[in-house]
Amino acid sequence: MQEIGYLIKKNVGLTYESFNVKQNINHVFYEEARLPSTPKVVSGALIDKMREDCSKIPNLPNVSDIK
């Protein structure tokens, strides 16, 4: 977890919330969705779930100012 603290301090756009969703919540869904043996309908549902999880992460202040 020390690495994520470093990245957050360096302001590379990661937050503890976004890292947690990426690494701890969605990672297992990602791994399953990318397998060639996963049926397309299941893969699509997993992708929808990952998008839903990500949509709950609050935006950083002034994110709309990024060009």
N, C-alpha and C. Protein backbone atom coordinates (compact mmCIF):
# COMPACT_ATOMS: atom_id res chain seq x y z
N MET A 1 0.83 -1.20 0.00
CA MET A 1 0.00 0.00 0.00
C MET A 1 0.87 1.25 0.00
N GLN A 2 2.12 1.11 0.29
CA GLN A 2 3.03 2.25 0.30
C GLN A 2 3.12 2.88 -1.09
N GLU A 3 3.10 2.05 -2.15
CA GLU A 3 3.20 2.58 -3.50
C GLU A 3 2.01 3.47 -3.84
N ILE A 4 0.80 3.07 -3.45
CA ILE A 4 -0.37 3.89 -3.76
C ILE A 4 -0.31 5.21 -3.02
N GLY A 5 0.19 5.19 -1.79
CA GLY A 5 0.37 6.45 -1.07
C GLY A 5 1.32 7.38 -1.80
N TYR A 6 2.39 6.83 -2.33
CA TYR A 6 3.35 7.62 -3.10
C TYR A 6 2.69 8.22 -4.33
N LEU A 7 1.93 7.40 -5.06
CA LEU A 7 1.28 7.89 -6.28
C LEU A 7 0.24 8.96 -5.97
N ILE A 8 -0.49 8.77 -4.89
CA ILE A 8 -1.48 9.78 -4.51
C ILE A 8 -0.80 11.08 -4.14
N LYS A 9 0.28 11.01 -3.39
CA LYS A 9 1.01 12.21 -3.01
C LYS A 9 1.58 12.92 -4.24
N LYS A 10 1.94 12.15 -5.26
CA LYS A 10 2.48 12.74 -6.48
C LYS A 10 1.37 13.23 -7.41
N ASN A 11 0.09 13.05 -7.00
CA ASN A 11 -1.07 13.57 -7.72
C ASN A 11 -1.14 13.04 -9.15
N VAL A 12 -1.09 11.73 -9.29
CA VAL A 12 -1.19 11.12 -10.62
C VAL A 12 -2.64 10.71 -10.94
N GLY A 13 -3.59 11.21 -10.17
CA GLY A 13 -4.98 10.95 -10.46
C GLY A 13 -5.57 9.75 -9.75
N LEU A 14 -4.81 9.11 -8.90
CA LEU A 14 -5.34 7.99 -8.13
C LEU A 14 -5.78 8.48 -6.76
N THR A 15 -6.82 7.87 -6.25
CA THR A 15 -7.23 8.10 -4.88
C THR A 15 -7.28 6.75 -4.20
N TYR A 16 -7.39 6.75 -2.90
CA TYR A 16 -7.53 5.47 -2.20
C TYR A 16 -8.79 4.76 -2.65
N GLU A 17 -9.86 5.53 -2.89
CA GLU A 17 -11.11 4.93 -3.34
C GLU A 17 -10.97 4.29 -4.71
N SER A 18 -10.35 5.01 -5.65
CA SER A 18 -10.22 4.46 -7.00
C SER A 18 -9.29 3.25 -7.02
N PHE A 19 -8.22 3.31 -6.24
CA PHE A 19 -7.31 2.17 -6.19
C PHE A 19 -8.00 0.96 -5.57
N ASN A 20 -8.77 1.17 -4.53
CA ASN A 20 -9.48 0.08 -3.89
C ASN A 20 -10.45 -0.59 -4.86
N VAL A 21 -11.20 0.21 -5.61
CA VAL A 21 -12.13 -0.36 -6.58
C VAL A 21 -11.37 -1.13 -7.64
N LYS A 22 -10.30 -0.55 -8.16
CA LYS A 22 -9.51 -1.21 -9.21
C LYS A 22 -8.88 -2.50 -8.72
N GLN A 23 -8.22 -2.44 -7.58
CA GLN A 23 -7.40 -3.56 -7.14
C GLN A 23 -8.15 -4.61 -6.33
N ASN A 24 -9.06 -4.17 -5.49
CA ASN A 24 -9.69 -5.10 -4.55
C ASN A 24 -11.11 -5.51 -4.93
N ILE A 25 -11.84 -4.63 -5.58
CA ILE A 25 -13.24 -4.95 -5.90
C ILE A 25 -13.37 -5.49 -7.32
N ASN A 26 -12.85 -4.76 -8.29
CA ASN A 26 -13.08 -5.12 -9.69
C ASN A 26 -12.07 -6.10 -10.27
N HIS A 27 -10.95 -6.30 -9.62
CA HIS A 27 -9.90 -7.11 -10.24
C HIS A 27 -10.37 -8.53 -10.56
N VAL A 28 -11.09 -9.14 -9.66
CA VAL A 28 -11.57 -10.51 -9.90
C VAL A 28 -12.56 -10.54 -11.07
N PHE A 29 -13.38 -9.49 -11.20
CA PHE A 29 -14.31 -9.41 -12.33
C PHE A 29 -13.55 -9.23 -13.64
N TYR A 30 -12.52 -8.41 -13.61
CA TYR A 30 -11.69 -8.17 -14.79
C TYR A 30 -11.03 -9.47 -15.26
N GLU A 31 -10.45 -10.19 -14.30
CA GLU A 31 -9.78 -11.44 -14.66
C GLU A 31 -10.74 -12.42 -15.31
N GLU A 32 -11.95 -12.53 -14.80
CA GLU A 32 -12.94 -13.44 -15.38
C GLU A 32 -13.42 -12.95 -16.74
N ALA A 33 -13.66 -11.65 -16.86
CA ALA A 33 -14.20 -11.08 -18.10
C ALA A 33 -13.24 -11.23 -19.27
N ARG A 34 -11.95 -11.22 -19.01
CA ARG A 34 -10.97 -11.25 -20.10
C ARG A 34 -10.64 -12.65 -20.60
N LEU A 35 -11.09 -13.67 -19.88
CA LEU A 35 -10.79 -15.04 -20.30
C LEU A 35 -11.54 -15.39 -21.58
N PRO A 36 -10.85 -15.99 -22.55
CA PRO A 36 -11.53 -16.40 -23.79
C PRO A 36 -12.65 -17.41 -23.53
N SER A 37 -12.57 -18.16 -22.44
CA SER A 37 -13.58 -19.16 -22.13
C SER A 37 -14.83 -18.58 -21.47
N THR A 38 -14.78 -17.31 -21.09
CA THR A 38 -15.95 -16.68 -20.47
C THR A 38 -16.96 -16.33 -21.56
N PRO A 39 -18.20 -16.81 -21.42
CA PRO A 39 -19.22 -16.48 -22.43
C PRO A 39 -19.40 -14.96 -22.56
N LYS A 40 -19.70 -14.51 -23.75
CA LYS A 40 -19.84 -13.07 -24.03
C LYS A 40 -20.88 -12.43 -23.12
N VAL A 41 -21.99 -13.11 -22.87
CA VAL A 41 -23.03 -12.53 -22.03
C VAL A 41 -22.54 -12.35 -20.59
N VAL A 42 -21.76 -13.28 -20.10
CA VAL A 42 -21.19 -13.18 -18.76
C VAL A 42 -20.14 -12.07 -18.73
N SER A 43 -19.28 -12.04 -19.73
CA SER A 43 -18.26 -11.01 -19.83
C SER A 43 -18.91 -9.62 -19.86
N GLY A 44 -19.97 -9.47 -20.63
CA GLY A 44 -20.68 -8.20 -20.70
C GLY A 44 -21.26 -7.79 -19.36
N ALA A 45 -21.82 -8.75 -18.63
CA ALA A 45 -22.38 -8.45 -17.31
C ALA A 45 -21.27 -8.04 -16.34
N LEU A 46 -20.13 -8.69 -16.42
CA LEU A 46 -19.02 -8.33 -15.55
C LEU A 46 -18.50 -6.93 -15.86
N ILE A 47 -18.42 -6.61 -17.14
CA ILE A 47 -17.99 -5.26 -17.54
C ILE A 47 -18.98 -4.22 -17.04
N ASP A 48 -20.27 -4.50 -17.16
CA ASP A 48 -21.29 -3.59 -16.63
C ASP A 48 -21.12 -3.38 -15.13
N LYS A 49 -20.83 -4.46 -14.40
CA LYS A 49 -20.63 -4.38 -12.95
C LYS A 49 -19.40 -3.52 -12.63
N MET A 50 -18.32 -3.69 -13.38
CA MET A 50 -17.12 -2.89 -13.14
C MET A 50 -17.40 -1.41 -13.41
N ARG A 51 -18.15 -1.13 -14.46
CA ARG A 51 -18.51 0.27 -14.77
C ARG A 51 -19.37 0.86 -13.65
N GLU A 52 -20.30 0.07 -13.16
CA GLU A 52 -21.16 0.53 -12.06
C GLU A 52 -20.32 0.84 -10.82
N ASP A 53 -19.40 -0.05 -10.49
CA ASP A 53 -18.52 0.17 -9.34
C ASP A 53 -17.70 1.45 -9.53
N CYS A 54 -17.17 1.64 -10.70
CA CYS A 54 -16.33 2.82 -10.97
C CYS A 54 -17.15 4.11 -10.95
N SER A 55 -18.41 4.02 -11.34
CA SER A 55 -19.24 5.23 -11.36
C SER A 55 -19.51 5.76 -9.96
N LYS A 56 -19.27 4.96 -8.94
CA LYS A 56 -19.50 5.37 -7.56
C LYS A 56 -18.30 6.09 -6.95
N ILE A 57 -17.19 6.13 -7.66
CA ILE A 57 -15.98 6.79 -7.16
C ILE A 57 -16.15 8.29 -7.36
N PRO A 58 -16.01 9.08 -6.30
CA PRO A 58 -16.15 10.53 -6.47
C PRO A 58 -15.01 11.10 -7.32
N ASN A 59 -15.35 12.09 -8.13
CA ASN A 59 -14.33 12.77 -8.93
C ASN A 59 -13.45 13.63 -8.04
N LEU A 60 -12.20 13.77 -8.43
CA LEU A 60 -11.29 14.66 -7.73
C LEU A 60 -11.74 16.11 -7.94
N PRO A 61 -11.46 16.98 -6.98
CA PRO A 61 -11.78 18.40 -7.17
C PRO A 61 -11.10 18.94 -8.43
N ASN A 62 -11.80 19.75 -9.17
CA ASN A 62 -11.28 20.41 -10.37
C ASN A 62 -10.95 19.45 -11.51
N VAL A 63 -11.47 18.25 -11.47
CA VAL A 63 -11.18 17.28 -12.54
C VAL A 63 -11.68 17.79 -13.88
N SER A 64 -12.72 18.58 -13.88
CA SER A 64 -13.25 19.10 -15.15
C SER A 64 -12.32 20.13 -15.77
N ASP A 65 -11.35 20.64 -15.01
CA ASP A 65 -10.38 21.60 -15.54
C ASP A 65 -9.27 20.94 -16.35
N ILE A 66 -9.15 19.62 -16.26
CA ILE A 66 -8.09 18.92 -16.97
C ILE A 66 -8.38 18.94 -18.46
N LYS A 67 -7.41 19.31 -19.23
CA LYS A 67 -7.59 19.42 -20.68
C LYS A 67 -6.79 18.36 -21.38
